Amino acid sequence: MKNEIKLFGIAVTLIVASFCYTQVYSPRKLDNLLLENIDALAAGEGSVGGECIGAGSIICPFNNEGVAHVRIYYSSFY
């Protein structure tokens, strides 16, 4: 009976250790949204064009006028 309990304990310990090992050392996949966010952050504040639409309280960075919407186009690194 004692040998069976010891074998069961060793088996459970090995299963838990192997599970922990695979969780720590397995490569993680990054989804496309995360990669696009990284690209957007790496692009910084520089833009490759854009447009300002409507009239409102937002200051357009291209002509310093008050507008409703600002669209800035960033370059892609694909």
N, C-alpha and C. Protein backbone atom coordinates (compact mmCIF):
# COMPACT_ATOMS: atom_id res chain seq x y z
N MET A 1 0.80 -1.18 0.00
CA MET A 1 0.00 0.00 0.00
C MET A 1 0.86 1.26 0.00
N LYS A 2 1.93 1.25 0.82
CA LYS A 2 2.81 2.41 0.88
C LYS A 2 3.52 2.61 -0.45
N ASN A 3 3.91 1.53 -1.11
CA ASN A 3 4.60 1.64 -2.40
C ASN A 3 3.67 2.24 -3.46
N GLU A 4 2.40 1.87 -3.40
CA GLU A 4 1.45 2.42 -4.38
C GLU A 4 1.26 3.91 -4.17
N ILE A 5 1.22 4.36 -2.94
CA ILE A 5 1.07 5.79 -2.64
C ILE A 5 2.31 6.54 -3.10
N LYS A 6 3.49 5.97 -2.87
CA LYS A 6 4.73 6.60 -3.32
C LYS A 6 4.77 6.70 -4.83
N LEU A 7 4.41 5.63 -5.52
CA LEU A 7 4.39 5.65 -6.98
C LEU A 7 3.38 6.67 -7.50
N PHE A 8 2.22 6.74 -6.86
CA PHE A 8 1.21 7.72 -7.27
C PHE A 8 1.73 9.14 -7.06
N GLY A 9 2.39 9.40 -5.95
CA GLY A 9 2.96 10.73 -5.67
C GLY A 9 4.03 11.10 -6.68
N ILE A 10 4.89 10.13 -7.01
CA ILE A 10 5.94 10.39 -8.00
C ILE A 10 5.33 10.66 -9.36
N ALA A 11 4.30 9.91 -9.74
CA ALA A 11 3.64 10.10 -11.03
C ALA A 11 3.00 11.48 -11.11
N VAL A 12 2.30 11.89 -10.06
CA VAL A 12 1.67 13.21 -10.04
C VAL A 12 2.72 14.31 -10.11
N THR A 13 3.81 14.13 -9.38
CA THR A 13 4.89 15.12 -9.40
C THR A 13 5.48 15.25 -10.80
N LEU A 14 5.70 14.14 -11.49
CA LEU A 14 6.25 14.18 -12.84
C LEU A 14 5.28 14.82 -13.83
N ILE A 15 4.00 14.55 -13.68
CA ILE A 15 3.01 15.16 -14.57
C ILE A 15 2.96 16.67 -14.37
N VAL A 16 2.96 17.11 -13.13
CA VAL A 16 2.93 18.55 -12.84
C VAL A 16 4.21 19.22 -13.33
N ALA A 17 5.34 18.58 -13.13
CA ALA A 17 6.61 19.15 -13.58
C ALA A 17 6.67 19.26 -15.09
N SER A 18 6.20 18.23 -15.78
CA SER A 18 6.22 18.30 -17.24
C SER A 18 5.25 19.36 -17.76
N PHE A 19 4.09 19.52 -17.13
CA PHE A 19 3.15 20.56 -17.52
C PHE A 19 3.76 21.95 -17.33
N CYS A 20 4.40 22.17 -16.19
CA CYS A 20 5.04 23.46 -15.92
C CYS A 20 6.16 23.73 -16.92
N TYR A 21 6.93 22.72 -17.25
CA TYR A 21 8.03 22.88 -18.20
C TYR A 21 7.50 23.29 -19.57
N THR A 22 6.42 22.65 -20.04
CA THR A 22 5.89 23.00 -21.36
C THR A 22 5.27 24.39 -21.36
N GLN A 23 4.71 24.83 -20.24
CA GLN A 23 4.13 26.17 -20.18
C GLN A 23 5.21 27.24 -20.21
N VAL A 24 6.34 26.98 -19.59
CA VAL A 24 7.40 27.98 -19.52
C VAL A 24 8.20 28.04 -20.81
N TYR A 25 8.51 26.90 -21.40
CA TYR A 25 9.43 26.86 -22.53
C TYR A 25 8.76 26.70 -23.89
N SER A 26 7.44 26.73 -23.96
CA SER A 26 6.79 26.63 -25.26
C SER A 26 6.75 28.00 -25.92
N PRO A 27 6.97 28.07 -27.23
CA PRO A 27 6.90 29.37 -27.92
C PRO A 27 5.46 29.88 -27.94
N ARG A 28 5.32 31.15 -27.79
CA ARG A 28 3.99 31.75 -27.77
C ARG A 28 3.71 32.39 -29.13
N LYS A 29 2.50 32.18 -29.64
CA LYS A 29 2.10 32.78 -30.89
C LYS A 29 1.52 34.16 -30.61
N LEU A 30 1.90 35.12 -31.44
CA LEU A 30 1.37 36.47 -31.31
C LEU A 30 0.29 36.66 -32.38
N ASP A 31 -0.85 37.16 -31.98
CA ASP A 31 -1.91 37.35 -32.96
C ASP A 31 -1.65 38.60 -33.81
N ASN A 32 -2.37 38.72 -34.91
CA ASN A 32 -2.14 39.80 -35.87
C ASN A 32 -2.43 41.16 -35.27
N LEU A 33 -3.45 41.28 -34.43
CA LEU A 33 -3.77 42.56 -33.83
C LEU A 33 -2.63 43.06 -32.95
N LEU A 34 -2.02 42.17 -32.19
CA LEU A 34 -0.88 42.56 -31.37
C LEU A 34 0.29 43.02 -32.23
N LEU A 35 0.55 42.32 -33.33
CA LEU A 35 1.64 42.70 -34.21
C LEU A 35 1.37 44.04 -34.89
N GLU A 36 0.11 44.31 -35.26
CA GLU A 36 -0.23 45.60 -35.85
C GLU A 36 -0.06 46.72 -34.83
N ASN A 37 -0.41 46.47 -33.57
CA ASN A 37 -0.21 47.48 -32.54
C ASN A 37 1.27 47.76 -32.33
N ILE A 38 2.09 46.74 -32.39
CA ILE A 38 3.54 46.94 -32.25
C ILE A 38 4.06 47.78 -33.40
N ASP A 39 3.59 47.51 -34.62
CA ASP A 39 4.00 48.29 -35.78
C ASP A 39 3.56 49.75 -35.64
N ALA A 40 2.35 49.96 -35.15
CA ALA A 40 1.85 51.33 -34.98
C ALA A 40 2.67 52.08 -33.93
N LEU A 41 3.04 51.40 -32.85
CA LEU A 41 3.86 52.05 -31.83
C LEU A 41 5.27 52.33 -32.35
N ALA A 42 5.79 51.43 -33.16
CA ALA A 42 7.13 51.63 -33.70
C ALA A 42 7.16 52.75 -34.72
N ALA A 43 6.02 53.03 -35.37
CA ALA A 43 5.97 54.09 -36.36
C ALA A 43 6.13 55.46 -35.72
N GLY A 44 5.82 55.58 -34.44
CA GLY A 44 5.98 56.83 -33.74
C GLY A 44 4.93 57.84 -34.16
N GLU A 45 5.27 59.11 -34.07
CA GLU A 45 4.34 60.18 -34.41
C GLU A 45 4.45 60.59 -35.87
N GLY A 46 5.42 60.07 -36.58
CA GLY A 46 5.58 60.43 -37.98
C GLY A 46 4.48 59.84 -38.82
N SER A 47 4.02 60.60 -39.77
CA SER A 47 2.96 60.11 -40.63
C SER A 47 3.35 60.27 -42.08
N VAL A 48 2.62 59.62 -42.95
CA VAL A 48 2.89 59.71 -44.39
C VAL A 48 1.73 60.39 -45.10
N GLY A 49 0.90 61.09 -44.37
CA GLY A 49 -0.21 61.82 -44.96
C GLY A 49 -1.44 61.72 -44.10
N GLY A 50 -2.47 62.42 -44.53
CA GLY A 50 -3.71 62.36 -43.79
C GLY A 50 -4.66 63.41 -44.30
N GLU A 51 -5.78 63.55 -43.60
CA GLU A 51 -6.77 64.54 -43.99
C GLU A 51 -7.53 65.00 -42.76
N CYS A 52 -8.06 66.20 -42.84
CA CYS A 52 -8.89 66.76 -41.79
C CYS A 52 -10.28 66.97 -42.36
N ILE A 53 -11.31 66.57 -41.58
CA ILE A 53 -12.67 66.56 -42.10
C ILE A 53 -13.58 67.38 -41.19
N GLY A 54 -14.42 68.20 -41.78
CA GLY A 54 -15.46 68.91 -41.06
C GLY A 54 -14.94 70.10 -40.28
N ALA A 55 -15.84 70.69 -39.50
CA ALA A 55 -15.50 71.83 -38.66
C ALA A 55 -15.80 71.45 -37.22
N GLY A 56 -14.88 71.76 -36.33
CA GLY A 56 -15.07 71.39 -34.94
C GLY A 56 -13.99 71.97 -34.06
N SER A 57 -13.76 71.33 -32.92
CA SER A 57 -12.83 71.88 -31.93
C SER A 57 -11.48 71.18 -31.91
N ILE A 58 -11.27 70.18 -32.78
CA ILE A 58 -9.98 69.50 -32.84
C ILE A 58 -9.06 70.28 -33.78
N ILE A 59 -7.83 70.51 -33.36
CA ILE A 59 -6.88 71.25 -34.19
C ILE A 59 -6.22 70.29 -35.18
N CYS A 60 -6.33 70.61 -36.46
CA CYS A 60 -5.72 69.80 -37.51
C CYS A 60 -4.21 70.00 -37.50
N PRO A 61 -3.41 68.91 -37.47
CA PRO A 61 -1.96 69.08 -37.45
C PRO A 61 -1.39 69.53 -38.80
N PHE A 62 -2.18 69.49 -39.86
CA PHE A 62 -1.68 69.84 -41.19
C PHE A 62 -1.84 71.33 -41.49
N ASN A 63 -2.96 71.93 -41.03
CA ASN A 63 -3.17 73.35 -41.35
C ASN A 63 -3.57 74.18 -40.13
N ASN A 64 -3.56 73.62 -38.94
CA ASN A 64 -3.86 74.31 -37.67
C ASN A 64 -5.24 74.95 -37.65
N GLU A 65 -6.23 74.33 -38.27
CA GLU A 65 -7.60 74.82 -38.23
C GLU A 65 -8.44 73.89 -37.37
N GLY A 66 -9.57 74.39 -36.90
CA GLY A 66 -10.46 73.56 -36.11
C GLY A 66 -11.27 72.62 -37.01
N VAL A 67 -11.23 71.34 -36.71
CA VAL A 67 -11.91 70.34 -37.54
C VAL A 67 -12.67 69.36 -36.64
N ALA A 68 -13.52 68.52 -37.26
CA ALA A 68 -14.28 67.52 -36.51
C ALA A 68 -13.53 66.21 -36.40
N HIS A 69 -12.82 65.81 -37.46
CA HIS A 69 -12.11 64.53 -37.48
C HIS A 69 -10.75 64.70 -38.14
N VAL A 70 -9.77 63.95 -37.65
CA VAL A 70 -8.44 63.92 -38.25
C VAL A 70 -8.10 62.48 -38.58
N ARG A 71 -7.73 62.23 -39.81
CA ARG A 71 -7.26 60.90 -40.22
C ARG A 71 -5.80 61.02 -40.60
N ILE A 72 -4.99 60.19 -39.96
CA ILE A 72 -3.56 60.18 -40.26
C ILE A 72 -3.20 58.81 -40.79
N TYR A 73 -2.54 58.78 -41.91
CA TYR A 73 -2.15 57.52 -42.54
C TYR A 73 -0.71 57.20 -42.15
N TYR A 74 -0.52 56.01 -41.63
CA TYR A 74 0.80 55.55 -41.24
C TYR A 74 1.32 54.56 -42.28
N SER A 75 2.61 54.52 -42.42
CA SER A 75 3.19 53.53 -43.33
C SER A 75 3.11 52.16 -42.69
N SER A 76 3.03 51.14 -43.52
CA SER A 76 2.99 49.77 -43.00
C SER A 76 4.31 49.09 -43.30
N PHE A 77 4.69 48.16 -42.43
CA PHE A 77 5.97 47.48 -42.55
C PHE A 77 5.77 46.02 -42.93
N TYR A 78 4.95 45.76 -43.93
CA TYR A 78 4.67 44.37 -44.30
C TYR A 78 5.54 43.91 -45.40
